[in-house]
Protein backbone atom coordinates (compact mmCIF):
# COMPACT_ATOMS: atom_id res chain seq x y z
CA MET A 1 -105.57 -2.26 -14.48
CA LYS A 2 -106.12 -4.67 -17.38
CA GLU A 3 -103.04 -6.03 -19.12
CA THR A 4 -104.03 -4.49 -22.49
CA GLU A 5 -104.62 -1.11 -20.88
CA LYS A 6 -101.30 -1.34 -19.07
CA LYS A 7 -99.47 -2.08 -22.31
CA GLY A 8 -101.00 0.93 -24.02
CA ARG A 9 -100.26 3.51 -21.37
CA LEU A 10 -98.09 6.60 -21.66
CA THR A 11 -95.05 5.93 -19.47
CA ARG A 12 -92.75 8.56 -18.01
CA VAL A 13 -89.86 7.63 -20.32
CA LEU A 14 -92.06 7.77 -23.41
CA ALA A 15 -93.59 11.09 -22.35
CA LEU A 16 -90.22 12.70 -21.59
CA THR A 17 -88.68 11.42 -24.82
CA THR A 18 -91.64 12.80 -26.78
CA LEU A 19 -91.32 16.22 -25.14
CA ILE A 20 -87.54 16.43 -25.59
CA ALA A 21 -87.61 15.27 -29.22
CA ALA A 22 -90.52 17.54 -30.19
CA PHE A 23 -89.32 20.61 -28.28
CA GLY A 24 -85.76 20.46 -29.54
CA SER A 25 -86.78 19.80 -33.14
CA SER A 26 -90.28 20.96 -33.99
CA PHE A 27 -90.21 24.08 -31.82
CA GLN A 28 -87.33 25.41 -33.94
CA TYR A 29 -89.31 24.81 -37.12
CA GLY A 30 -92.29 26.80 -35.86
CA TYR A 31 -90.15 29.53 -34.35
CA ASN A 32 -88.33 30.18 -37.62
CA VAL A 33 -91.54 30.15 -39.64
CA SER A 34 -92.78 33.16 -37.68
CA SER A 35 -89.77 34.94 -36.15
CA ILE A 36 -88.93 36.83 -39.32
CA ASN A 37 -92.47 38.17 -39.75
CA SER A 38 -92.83 40.79 -36.99
CA PRO A 39 -89.50 42.61 -37.47
CA SER A 40 -89.79 42.49 -41.27
CA GLU A 41 -90.07 46.25 -41.81
CA ILE A 42 -87.14 46.95 -39.45
CA MET A 43 -85.04 44.30 -41.17
CA LYS A 44 -85.83 45.72 -44.59
CA GLU A 45 -84.54 49.06 -43.35
CA PHE A 46 -81.38 47.28 -42.18
CA TYR A 47 -81.00 45.74 -45.65
CA ASN A 48 -81.43 49.14 -47.30
CA GLU A 49 -79.07 50.96 -44.95
CA THR A 50 -76.44 48.24 -45.28
CA PHE A 51 -76.66 48.42 -49.07
CA TYR A 52 -76.41 52.23 -48.92
CA ASP A 53 -73.29 52.06 -46.72
CA ARG A 54 -71.66 49.84 -49.34
CA THR A 55 -72.76 51.59 -52.53
CA SER A 56 -74.04 55.06 -51.53
CA ASP A 57 -77.34 54.12 -53.11
CA TYR A 58 -80.58 52.56 -51.88
CA LEU A 59 -82.17 49.37 -53.16
CA SER A 60 -85.03 49.74 -55.62
CA GLU A 61 -88.47 48.63 -54.43
CA PHE A 62 -88.32 45.54 -56.64
CA SER A 63 -84.79 44.65 -55.49
CA LEU A 64 -85.75 45.04 -51.84
CA THR A 65 -88.88 42.89 -52.32
CA LEU A 66 -86.83 40.24 -54.13
CA LEU A 67 -84.06 40.27 -51.49
CA TRP A 68 -86.63 39.93 -48.72
CA SER A 69 -88.43 37.12 -50.54
CA VAL A 70 -85.10 35.30 -50.86
CA SER A 71 -84.47 35.78 -47.12
CA VAL A 72 -87.87 34.30 -46.32
CA SER A 73 -87.70 31.48 -48.85
CA MET A 74 -84.15 30.38 -47.93
CA PHE A 75 -85.75 28.68 -44.91
CA PRO A 76 -87.95 26.32 -46.97
CA PHE A 77 -85.17 25.90 -49.53
CA GLY A 78 -82.92 24.69 -46.73
CA GLY A 79 -85.79 22.47 -45.62
CA LEU A 80 -85.83 20.92 -49.09
CA VAL A 81 -82.10 20.17 -48.84
CA GLY A 82 -82.62 18.76 -45.35
CA SER A 83 -85.33 16.44 -46.65
CA PHE A 84 -82.87 14.93 -49.14
CA LEU A 85 -80.59 14.07 -46.20
CA VAL A 86 -83.26 12.21 -44.21
CA GLY A 87 -82.79 8.78 -45.80
CA PRO A 88 -79.02 8.36 -45.50
CA MET A 89 -78.88 9.97 -42.05
CA VAL A 90 -81.64 7.98 -40.34
CA ASN A 91 -80.40 4.73 -41.86
CA ASN A 92 -76.79 5.28 -40.78
CA LEU A 93 -77.10 7.34 -37.59
CA GLY A 94 -80.51 6.20 -36.38
CA ARG A 95 -83.50 8.39 -35.54
CA LYS A 96 -82.10 9.72 -32.27
CA GLY A 97 -78.59 10.17 -33.67
CA THR A 98 -79.92 12.21 -36.59
CA LEU A 99 -81.87 14.52 -34.28
CA LEU A 100 -78.77 15.08 -32.15
CA LEU A 101 -76.46 15.86 -35.06
CA ASN A 102 -79.11 18.07 -36.63
CA ASN A 103 -78.77 20.61 -33.81
CA ILE A 104 -75.43 21.74 -35.23
CA PHE A 105 -77.24 23.47 -38.10
CA SER A 106 -79.46 25.32 -35.63
CA ILE A 107 -76.64 26.48 -33.36
CA VAL A 108 -74.51 27.77 -36.26
CA SER A 109 -77.48 29.62 -37.78
CA SER A 110 -78.32 31.11 -34.37
CA ILE A 111 -74.83 32.58 -34.10
CA LEU A 112 -74.95 33.97 -37.64
CA MET A 113 -78.35 35.64 -37.21
CA GLY A 114 -77.47 37.00 -33.79
CA CYS A 115 -74.27 38.61 -35.13
CA SER A 116 -75.65 39.85 -38.48
CA GLU A 117 -76.52 43.37 -37.32
CA THR A 118 -73.13 43.89 -35.68
CA ALA A 119 -71.36 42.57 -38.78
CA LYS A 120 -73.56 44.75 -41.04
CA SER A 121 -74.29 41.75 -43.24
CA PHE A 122 -77.71 40.73 -44.49
CA GLU A 123 -75.96 37.88 -46.31
CA MET A 124 -75.38 36.25 -42.90
CA ILE A 125 -79.15 36.23 -42.37
CA ILE A 126 -79.74 34.58 -45.75
CA VAL A 127 -77.10 31.90 -45.08
CA ALA A 128 -78.45 31.36 -41.54
CA ARG A 129 -82.00 30.97 -42.83
CA PHE A 130 -80.72 28.30 -45.23
CA LEU A 131 -78.91 26.41 -42.44
CA VAL A 132 -81.81 26.54 -40.00
CA GLY A 133 -84.00 25.40 -42.90
CA ILE A 134 -81.83 22.28 -43.24
CA CYS A 135 -82.37 21.72 -39.52
CA ALA A 136 -86.14 22.09 -39.93
CA GLY A 137 -86.20 19.87 -43.02
CA LEU A 138 -84.54 17.06 -41.11
CA SER A 139 -86.46 17.48 -37.86
CA SER A 140 -89.89 17.83 -39.49
CA ASN A 141 -89.41 14.38 -41.03
CA VAL A 142 -87.32 12.58 -38.41
CA ALA A 143 -89.21 13.64 -35.26
CA PRO A 144 -92.61 12.18 -36.36
CA MET A 145 -90.82 9.05 -37.61
CA TYR A 146 -88.95 8.63 -34.32
CA LEU A 147 -91.99 9.18 -32.11
CA GLY A 148 -94.25 7.05 -34.28
CA GLU A 149 -91.83 4.13 -33.99
CA LEU A 150 -91.55 4.57 -30.21
CA ALA A 151 -95.30 4.68 -29.53
CA PRO A 152 -97.69 1.75 -28.98
CA LYS A 153 -100.31 1.63 -31.73
CA ASN A 154 -103.08 3.09 -29.54
CA LEU A 155 -100.95 6.22 -28.89
CA ARG A 156 -99.29 6.47 -32.29
CA GLY A 157 -101.66 9.13 -33.59
CA ALA A 158 -101.52 11.32 -30.49
CA LEU A 159 -97.73 11.19 -30.19
CA GLY A 160 -97.40 11.66 -33.94
CA VAL A 161 -99.27 14.97 -33.66
CA VAL A 162 -97.13 16.25 -30.76
CA PRO A 163 -94.38 17.57 -33.11
CA GLN A 164 -97.01 19.71 -34.84
CA PHE A 165 -98.12 20.95 -31.41
CA PHE A 166 -94.59 22.14 -30.69
CA ILE A 167 -94.43 23.78 -34.11
CA THR A 168 -97.46 25.86 -33.09
CA ILE A 169 -95.81 26.67 -29.74
CA GLY A 170 -92.72 27.84 -31.64
CA ILE A 171 -94.87 30.03 -33.88
CA LEU A 172 -96.66 31.54 -30.89
CA VAL A 173 -93.46 32.18 -28.91
CA ALA A 174 -91.93 33.91 -31.94
CA GLN A 175 -95.06 36.05 -32.29
CA VAL A 176 -94.98 37.03 -28.60
CA PHE A 177 -91.26 37.82 -28.65
CA GLY A 178 -91.93 39.67 -31.90
CA LEU A 179 -94.08 42.29 -30.20
CA ARG A 180 -92.56 45.74 -30.62
CA THR A 181 -92.51 46.18 -26.84
CA LEU A 182 -90.26 43.11 -26.55
CA LEU A 183 -87.79 42.28 -29.34
CA ALA A 184 -89.22 43.57 -32.64
CA HIS A 185 -87.25 46.82 -32.60
CA GLU A 186 -83.96 48.18 -33.93
CA THR A 187 -81.74 46.56 -31.31
CA GLY A 188 -83.82 43.50 -30.40
CA TRP A 189 -84.43 41.74 -33.72
CA PRO A 190 -80.99 40.00 -33.85
CA ILE A 191 -81.74 38.50 -30.42
CA LEU A 192 -85.20 37.46 -31.64
CA LEU A 193 -83.67 35.56 -34.56
CA GLY A 194 -80.76 34.16 -32.54
CA LEU A 195 -82.93 32.54 -29.85
CA THR A 196 -83.55 29.59 -32.16
CA GLY A 197 -80.37 27.99 -30.79
CA VAL A 198 -81.78 27.61 -27.26
CA PRO A 199 -83.99 24.53 -27.88
CA ALA A 200 -81.13 22.97 -29.85
CA GLY A 201 -78.90 23.24 -26.79
CA VAL A 202 -81.59 21.75 -24.56
CA GLN A 203 -82.01 18.76 -26.87
CA LEU A 204 -78.26 18.18 -27.09
CA LEU A 205 -78.14 17.92 -23.29
CA LEU A 206 -81.19 15.72 -22.69
CA LEU A 207 -81.90 13.52 -25.74
CA PRO A 208 -78.80 11.28 -25.29
CA PHE A 209 -80.56 9.76 -22.26
CA SER A 210 -83.57 8.66 -24.36
CA PRO A 211 -83.80 5.28 -26.12
CA GLU A 212 -83.30 4.75 -29.85
CA SER A 213 -86.19 3.46 -31.98
CA PRO A 214 -86.67 -0.28 -31.24
CA ARG A 215 -87.75 -0.85 -34.84
CA TYR A 216 -84.52 0.71 -36.13
CA LEU A 217 -82.44 -1.35 -33.70
CA LEU A 218 -84.08 -4.66 -34.60
CA ILE A 219 -84.82 -4.33 -38.32
CA GLN A 220 -81.88 -2.27 -39.51
CA LYS A 221 -79.18 -2.83 -36.87
CA LYS A 222 -80.21 -6.47 -36.24
CA ASP A 223 -79.64 -5.89 -32.51
CA GLU A 224 -82.55 -7.67 -30.82
CA LYS A 225 -81.03 -7.28 -27.37
CA ALA A 226 -80.85 -3.49 -27.70
CA ALA A 227 -84.36 -3.37 -29.19
CA ARG A 228 -85.78 -5.39 -26.30
CA LYS A 229 -83.99 -3.15 -23.79
CA ALA A 230 -85.36 0.00 -25.47
CA LEU A 231 -88.90 -1.40 -25.50
CA ARG A 232 -88.75 -2.35 -21.83
CA GLU A 233 -87.54 1.16 -20.99
CA LEU A 234 -90.31 2.75 -23.05
CA ARG A 235 -93.15 0.50 -21.89
CA GLY A 236 -92.21 0.24 -18.22
CA TRP A 237 -92.52 -3.56 -17.97
CA ASP A 238 -90.41 -6.60 -18.88
CA ASP A 239 -92.80 -8.56 -21.09
CA VAL A 240 -92.37 -6.96 -24.51
CA GLU A 241 -92.40 -10.19 -26.54
CA ASP A 242 -95.64 -9.32 -28.35
CA GLU A 243 -94.11 -6.16 -29.82
CA ILE A 244 -90.80 -7.88 -30.52
CA GLN A 245 -92.71 -10.58 -32.42
CA GLU A 246 -94.66 -7.96 -34.40
CA ILE A 247 -91.41 -6.24 -35.39
CA ARG A 248 -89.87 -9.61 -36.31
CA GLU A 249 -92.84 -10.39 -38.57
CA GLU A 250 -92.51 -7.03 -40.28
CA ASP A 251 -88.80 -7.66 -40.71
CA GLU A 252 -89.37 -11.14 -42.15
CA ALA A 253 -92.05 -9.85 -44.51
CA GLU A 254 -89.82 -7.06 -45.76
CA LYS A 255 -86.91 -9.37 -46.50
CA ALA A 256 -88.84 -10.43 -49.60
CA ALA A 257 -88.81 -6.84 -50.85
CA GLY A 258 -85.45 -5.63 -49.56
CA PHE A 259 -84.54 -2.01 -48.93
CA ILE A 260 -86.69 0.44 -50.91
CA SER A 261 -84.71 3.40 -52.25
CA VAL A 262 -86.36 6.61 -53.46
CA LEU A 263 -86.02 5.49 -57.08
CA LYS A 264 -87.42 2.04 -56.29
CA LEU A 265 -90.23 3.68 -54.34
CA PHE A 266 -91.52 5.25 -57.56
CA GLN A 267 -90.99 2.04 -59.53
CA THR A 268 -92.82 -0.28 -57.12
CA ARG A 269 -96.43 -0.75 -58.20
CA SER A 270 -97.53 -2.09 -54.82
CA LEU A 271 -96.57 1.29 -53.26
CA ARG A 272 -98.13 3.41 -56.00
CA TRP A 273 -101.09 4.87 -54.10
CA GLN A 274 -99.06 5.37 -50.93
CA VAL A 275 -96.54 7.50 -52.84
CA VAL A 276 -99.22 9.46 -54.71
CA SER A 277 -101.11 10.05 -51.46
CA ILE A 278 -98.08 11.47 -49.65
CA ILE A 279 -97.26 13.75 -52.59
CA VAL A 280 -100.85 15.03 -52.78
CA LEU A 281 -101.18 15.56 -49.01
CA MET A 282 -97.83 17.28 -48.59
CA ALA A 283 -98.40 19.52 -51.60
CA GLY A 284 -101.94 20.26 -50.44
CA GLN A 285 -100.71 21.06 -46.95
CA GLN A 286 -98.26 23.72 -48.16
CA LEU A 287 -99.93 25.03 -51.34
CA SER A 288 -103.16 25.57 -49.39
CA GLY A 289 -101.66 28.85 -48.17
CA VAL A 290 -100.75 28.15 -44.56
CA ASN A 291 -97.27 29.61 -44.82
CA ALA A 292 -98.57 32.60 -46.74
CA ILE A 293 -100.56 33.24 -43.57
CA PHE A 294 -97.63 32.82 -41.17
CA TYR A 295 -94.80 34.27 -43.30
CA TYR A 296 -96.79 37.34 -44.26
CA THR A 297 -99.38 37.68 -41.50
CA ASP A 298 -98.77 41.38 -41.04
CA GLN A 299 -99.19 42.10 -44.74
CA VAL A 300 -102.38 40.00 -44.90
CA PHE A 301 -103.97 41.87 -42.00
CA ARG A 302 -102.78 45.19 -43.37
CA SER A 303 -104.49 44.35 -46.67
CA ALA A 304 -107.61 43.47 -44.70
CA GLY A 305 -107.70 46.99 -43.25
CA VAL A 306 -106.51 46.24 -39.71
CA GLU A 307 -104.93 49.26 -38.02
CA THR A 308 -101.13 49.09 -37.92
CA ASP A 309 -100.90 49.34 -34.13
CA HIS A 310 -103.30 46.41 -33.71
CA ILE A 311 -101.77 44.01 -36.23
CA GLN A 312 -99.16 42.57 -33.88
CA TYR A 313 -101.81 41.61 -31.31
CA VAL A 314 -104.09 40.02 -33.90
CA THR A 315 -101.08 38.08 -35.17
CA VAL A 316 -100.36 36.72 -31.68
CA SER A 317 -104.02 35.74 -31.41
CA THR A 318 -103.75 33.59 -34.55
CA GLY A 319 -100.77 31.80 -33.04
CA THR A 320 -102.71 31.19 -29.83
CA VAL A 321 -105.68 29.73 -31.71
CA ASN A 322 -103.32 27.59 -33.80
CA MET A 323 -101.74 26.13 -30.65
CA LEU A 324 -105.04 25.50 -28.86
CA ILE A 325 -106.63 23.71 -31.82
CA THR A 326 -103.52 21.56 -32.28
CA ILE A 327 -103.84 20.53 -28.62
CA CYS A 328 -107.38 19.42 -29.45
CA ALA A 329 -106.06 17.44 -32.42
CA VAL A 330 -103.65 15.58 -30.12
CA PHE A 331 -106.56 14.36 -28.01
CA VAL A 332 -109.13 13.65 -30.75
CA VAL A 333 -106.97 12.07 -33.47
CA GLU A 334 -107.38 8.59 -31.96
CA TYR A 335 -111.13 9.15 -31.48
CA LEU A 336 -112.18 10.85 -34.73
CA GLY A 337 -109.48 9.36 -36.92
CA ARG A 338 -106.95 10.75 -39.38
CA ARG A 339 -109.20 10.75 -42.45
CA PHE A 340 -112.05 12.68 -40.81
CA LEU A 341 -109.68 15.38 -39.50
CA LEU A 342 -108.14 15.78 -42.96
CA LEU A 343 -111.54 16.13 -44.63
CA LEU A 344 -112.87 18.55 -42.02
CA GLY A 345 -109.70 20.63 -41.94
CA PHE A 346 -109.25 21.05 -45.69
CA PHE A 347 -112.94 21.86 -46.18
CA ILE A 348 -112.82 24.58 -43.50
CA CYS A 349 -109.71 26.03 -45.19
CA PHE A 350 -111.48 25.97 -48.57
CA ALA A 351 -114.52 27.81 -47.21
CA ALA A 352 -112.34 30.34 -45.32
CA CYS A 353 -110.30 31.17 -48.46
CA CYS A 354 -113.46 31.69 -50.52
CA VAL A 355 -115.08 34.01 -47.98
CA LEU A 356 -111.76 35.84 -47.39
CA THR A 357 -111.52 36.55 -51.10
CA VAL A 358 -114.98 38.11 -51.08
CA ALA A 359 -114.23 40.07 -47.90
CA LEU A 360 -110.99 41.51 -49.29
CA ALA A 361 -112.71 42.45 -52.55
CA LEU A 362 -115.49 44.35 -50.71
CA GLN A 363 -113.51 45.84 -47.82
CA ASP A 364 -113.52 49.33 -49.36
CA THR A 365 -117.30 49.35 -49.80
CA VAL A 366 -118.54 47.66 -46.61
CA SER A 367 -117.33 48.99 -43.25
CA TRP A 368 -117.39 45.70 -41.35
CA MET A 369 -115.55 43.64 -43.98
CA PRO A 370 -112.14 43.90 -42.20
CA TYR A 371 -113.69 42.04 -39.25
CA LEU A 372 -114.95 39.32 -41.57
CA SER A 373 -111.46 39.07 -43.05
CA ILE A 374 -109.99 38.54 -39.58
CA ALA A 375 -112.64 35.91 -38.83
CA CYS A 376 -111.74 34.09 -42.07
CA VAL A 377 -108.04 34.05 -41.18
CA PHE A 378 -108.86 32.62 -37.76
CA SER A 379 -111.19 30.03 -39.32
CA TYR A 380 -108.47 29.05 -41.76
CA VAL A 381 -105.98 28.61 -38.90
CA VAL A 382 -108.50 26.43 -37.02
CA GLY A 383 -109.12 24.22 -40.06
CA HIS A 384 -105.45 23.78 -40.89
CA ALA A 385 -104.50 23.00 -37.27
CA LEU A 386 -107.16 20.27 -37.09
CA GLY A 387 -105.92 18.12 -39.94
CA PRO A 388 -103.82 19.50 -42.82
CA SER A 389 -100.96 20.59 -40.53
CA PRO A 390 -100.47 17.53 -38.27
CA ILE A 391 -101.85 14.53 -40.19
CA PRO A 392 -99.73 14.21 -43.41
CA ALA A 393 -96.46 13.59 -41.54
CA LEU A 394 -98.24 11.08 -39.30
CA LEU A 395 -99.68 9.25 -42.31
CA THR A 396 -96.25 9.10 -43.96
CA MET A 397 -95.04 7.14 -40.97
CA GLU A 398 -98.11 4.87 -40.87
CA ILE A 399 -98.66 3.86 -44.49
CA PHE A 400 -95.06 2.79 -45.18
CA LEU A 401 -93.14 -0.06 -43.57
CA GLN A 402 -89.58 0.13 -42.24
CA SER A 403 -87.80 -0.65 -45.51
CA SER A 404 -89.55 2.16 -47.41
CA ARG A 405 -90.31 4.63 -44.60
CA ALA A 406 -87.09 6.65 -44.79
CA SER A 407 -87.38 7.02 -48.58
CA ALA A 408 -91.04 7.97 -48.21
CA TYR A 409 -90.06 10.76 -45.83
CA VAL A 410 -87.49 11.96 -48.36
CA VAL A 411 -90.23 12.19 -51.01
CA GLY A 412 -92.86 13.69 -48.71
CA GLY A 413 -90.40 16.10 -47.14
CA SER A 414 -89.11 17.21 -50.54
CA VAL A 415 -92.64 17.97 -51.75
CA HIS A 416 -93.43 19.71 -48.44
CA TRP A 417 -90.43 22.01 -48.55
CA LEU A 418 -90.45 22.64 -52.30
CA SER A 419 -94.08 23.75 -52.02
CA ASN A 420 -93.21 25.80 -48.94
CA PHE A 421 -90.33 27.44 -50.84
CA ILE A 422 -92.53 28.30 -53.81
CA VAL A 423 -95.19 29.93 -51.61
CA GLY A 424 -92.62 31.88 -49.60
CA LEU A 425 -90.90 33.15 -52.73
CA VAL A 426 -93.84 34.03 -54.99
CA PHE A 427 -96.66 34.99 -52.61
CA PRO A 428 -95.61 38.67 -52.33
CA PHE A 429 -95.74 38.92 -56.13
CA ILE A 430 -99.04 37.01 -56.30
CA GLN A 431 -100.48 39.37 -53.69
CA GLU A 432 -99.24 42.36 -55.67
CA ALA A 433 -100.67 41.05 -58.96
CA LEU A 434 -104.00 39.58 -57.82
CA LYS A 435 -104.68 41.83 -54.83
CA SER A 436 -107.83 40.63 -53.08
CA TYR A 437 -108.11 37.52 -55.28
CA SER A 438 -104.77 35.97 -54.25
CA PHE A 439 -106.39 33.48 -51.86
CA ILE A 440 -108.64 31.96 -54.54
CA ILE A 441 -105.63 29.90 -55.67
CA PHE A 442 -105.35 28.38 -52.21
CA ALA A 443 -109.08 27.66 -52.16
CA VAL A 444 -108.77 25.54 -55.30
CA VAL A 445 -105.88 23.58 -53.78
CA CYS A 446 -107.89 22.93 -50.60
CA LEU A 447 -110.90 21.70 -52.58
CA LEU A 448 -108.87 19.35 -54.76
CA THR A 449 -107.07 17.88 -51.72
CA THR A 450 -110.41 17.36 -49.96
CA ILE A 451 -111.77 15.44 -52.97
CA TYR A 452 -108.65 13.26 -53.16
CA THR A 453 -108.78 12.48 -49.43
CA PHE A 454 -112.45 11.50 -49.65
CA PHE A 455 -111.92 8.97 -52.43
CA ILE A 456 -108.43 7.61 -51.72
CA ILE A 457 -107.17 8.01 -48.13
CA PRO A 458 -108.20 5.14 -45.77
CA GLU A 459 -108.55 5.34 -42.01
CA THR A 460 -105.43 4.09 -40.20
CA LYS A 461 -106.22 4.55 -36.50
CA GLY A 462 -105.78 1.50 -34.30
CA LYS A 463 -104.17 -0.58 -37.06
CA THR A 464 -100.72 -2.14 -37.18
CA PHE A 465 -98.33 -1.16 -39.95
CA MET A 466 -98.90 -4.53 -41.64
CA GLU A 467 -102.70 -4.10 -41.54
CA ILE A 468 -102.43 -0.66 -43.14
CA ASN A 469 -100.18 -2.11 -45.82
CA GLN A 470 -102.84 -4.72 -46.63
CA ILE A 471 -105.43 -1.97 -47.22
CA PHE A 472 -103.23 -0.31 -49.82
CA THR A 473 -102.32 -3.66 -51.38
CA LYS A 474 -105.98 -4.12 -52.33
CA ARG A 475 -106.15 -0.56 -53.67
CA ASN A 476 -102.99 -1.01 -55.73
CA LYS A 477 -104.49 -4.22 -57.25
CA VAL A 478 -101.17 -6.06 -57.30
CA PRO A 479 -99.82 -9.06 -55.34
CA ASP A 480 -98.69 -8.08 -51.86
CA MET A 481 -94.95 -7.34 -51.78
CA TYR A 482 -95.15 -7.75 -48.00
CA PRO A 483 -96.79 -11.16 -47.46
CA ASP A 484 -97.95 -12.10 -44.02
CA LYS A 485 -96.21 -14.68 -41.83
CA GLU A 486 -98.26 -17.67 -43.08
CA GLU A 487 -97.63 -16.75 -46.72
CA LEU A 488 -93.89 -16.42 -46.05
CA ASN A 489 -93.75 -19.89 -44.55
CA GLU A 490 -95.41 -21.33 -47.66
CA LEU A 491 -92.91 -19.73 -50.07
CA PRO A 492 -89.88 -21.85 -51.04
CA PRO A 493 -86.43 -20.33 -50.38
CA ALA A 494 -85.81 -19.83 -54.10
CA THR A 495 -88.91 -17.66 -54.37
CA LEU A 496 -87.83 -15.45 -51.50
CA GLU A 497 -84.37 -15.03 -53.01
CA GLN A 498 -85.91 -14.11 -56.35
CA ASN A 499 -88.16 -11.50 -54.70
């Protein structure tokens, strides 16, 4: 085996760390996106009956819709709060330490949701959804960051997509457990919601044996010995000096800029297009309608004319397709590239939303339109799983260096979860007001994001973090705030101190 091939291989330690980090973190995110969907009608009855027991009166239709929308949207609202915590937690506790501590939110929420029916309290569900949202907000940002910093550059894309793969597994498992023959019934739904604590327990047991990010250890903790040890463990050989040198050069280059806070991130002209790109991609990812599909799958298929008894099986099929296509993305992201997958994915979503709008509008006049509606939903899921779902988080890790990466994840995660929260809260009302035309809004978002990606987003596959930074430096049309090693050597000490 050639030396370069050896140094780019997937070792056992790296593979196990990837699986443990992604399963314990991203699986919970996906599971909680979908777990509340299948038992929704049963849970609404629980809400109504609980309210009646307290007041001797039932909730109005509007009040029940609003209360359910709050229950759904508390998850992304918690995700927004969790995103704000990313920066201080990863900088003080490390990537691995943050993932470990994050499991507390999941375990507490699991207990609350599992006991809510016995306690006759729908408020416990709302609080639990908020807490597990915090868990998802942290993990959805920290897991890709952690794995991206562990991976060699030739595997960075593939390992960066693995968290999204486990999100799709979580969605599918929740859909399977949500079958009425399994847990989506009067006595089973608290168990369905409470199972989210299982992967948290697994991660608490196994992740302590995995290494911390070498980049975090060397650049932020200034512990070169620990960083070298972690790299040797991850790579499976002793000669890691090339990577240590690359990290040193990044560290030296960043000393000129210093730590980049969220406020400074917006004020720094040399990071302008990176920040705009992350905001656009994260907003496009969520406002394109993906969570309208997964939060309200049953309602979407019911509107499309699918028979009630068949909806649960069609829903599981969407989760299966989502998982399979994400597996494909893991294997092709280093071959086709990030930019191509984004363009292809968003364009497929745009076309699917347009055709779905027509199909929903004509379903009462053409007998086979419900089948076209189902095909559109499946096409949308395929398109989103190819690029819009997995790539934005990966790009956030790639287009920012260590000093600004945590703050960039705070910004990207905040946009991600705020957009997610808005869709979860208002989509039922949009669907009620616009009927068959509700998906035209998502089509416009997909089209605009496709146009932006075509003109602005560069290809990042196979490039080091410093090389990617140089691409954006030219686009920002300002002097490079991260000079290369030769430029640093030419600068006098006074200049570096001034910078």
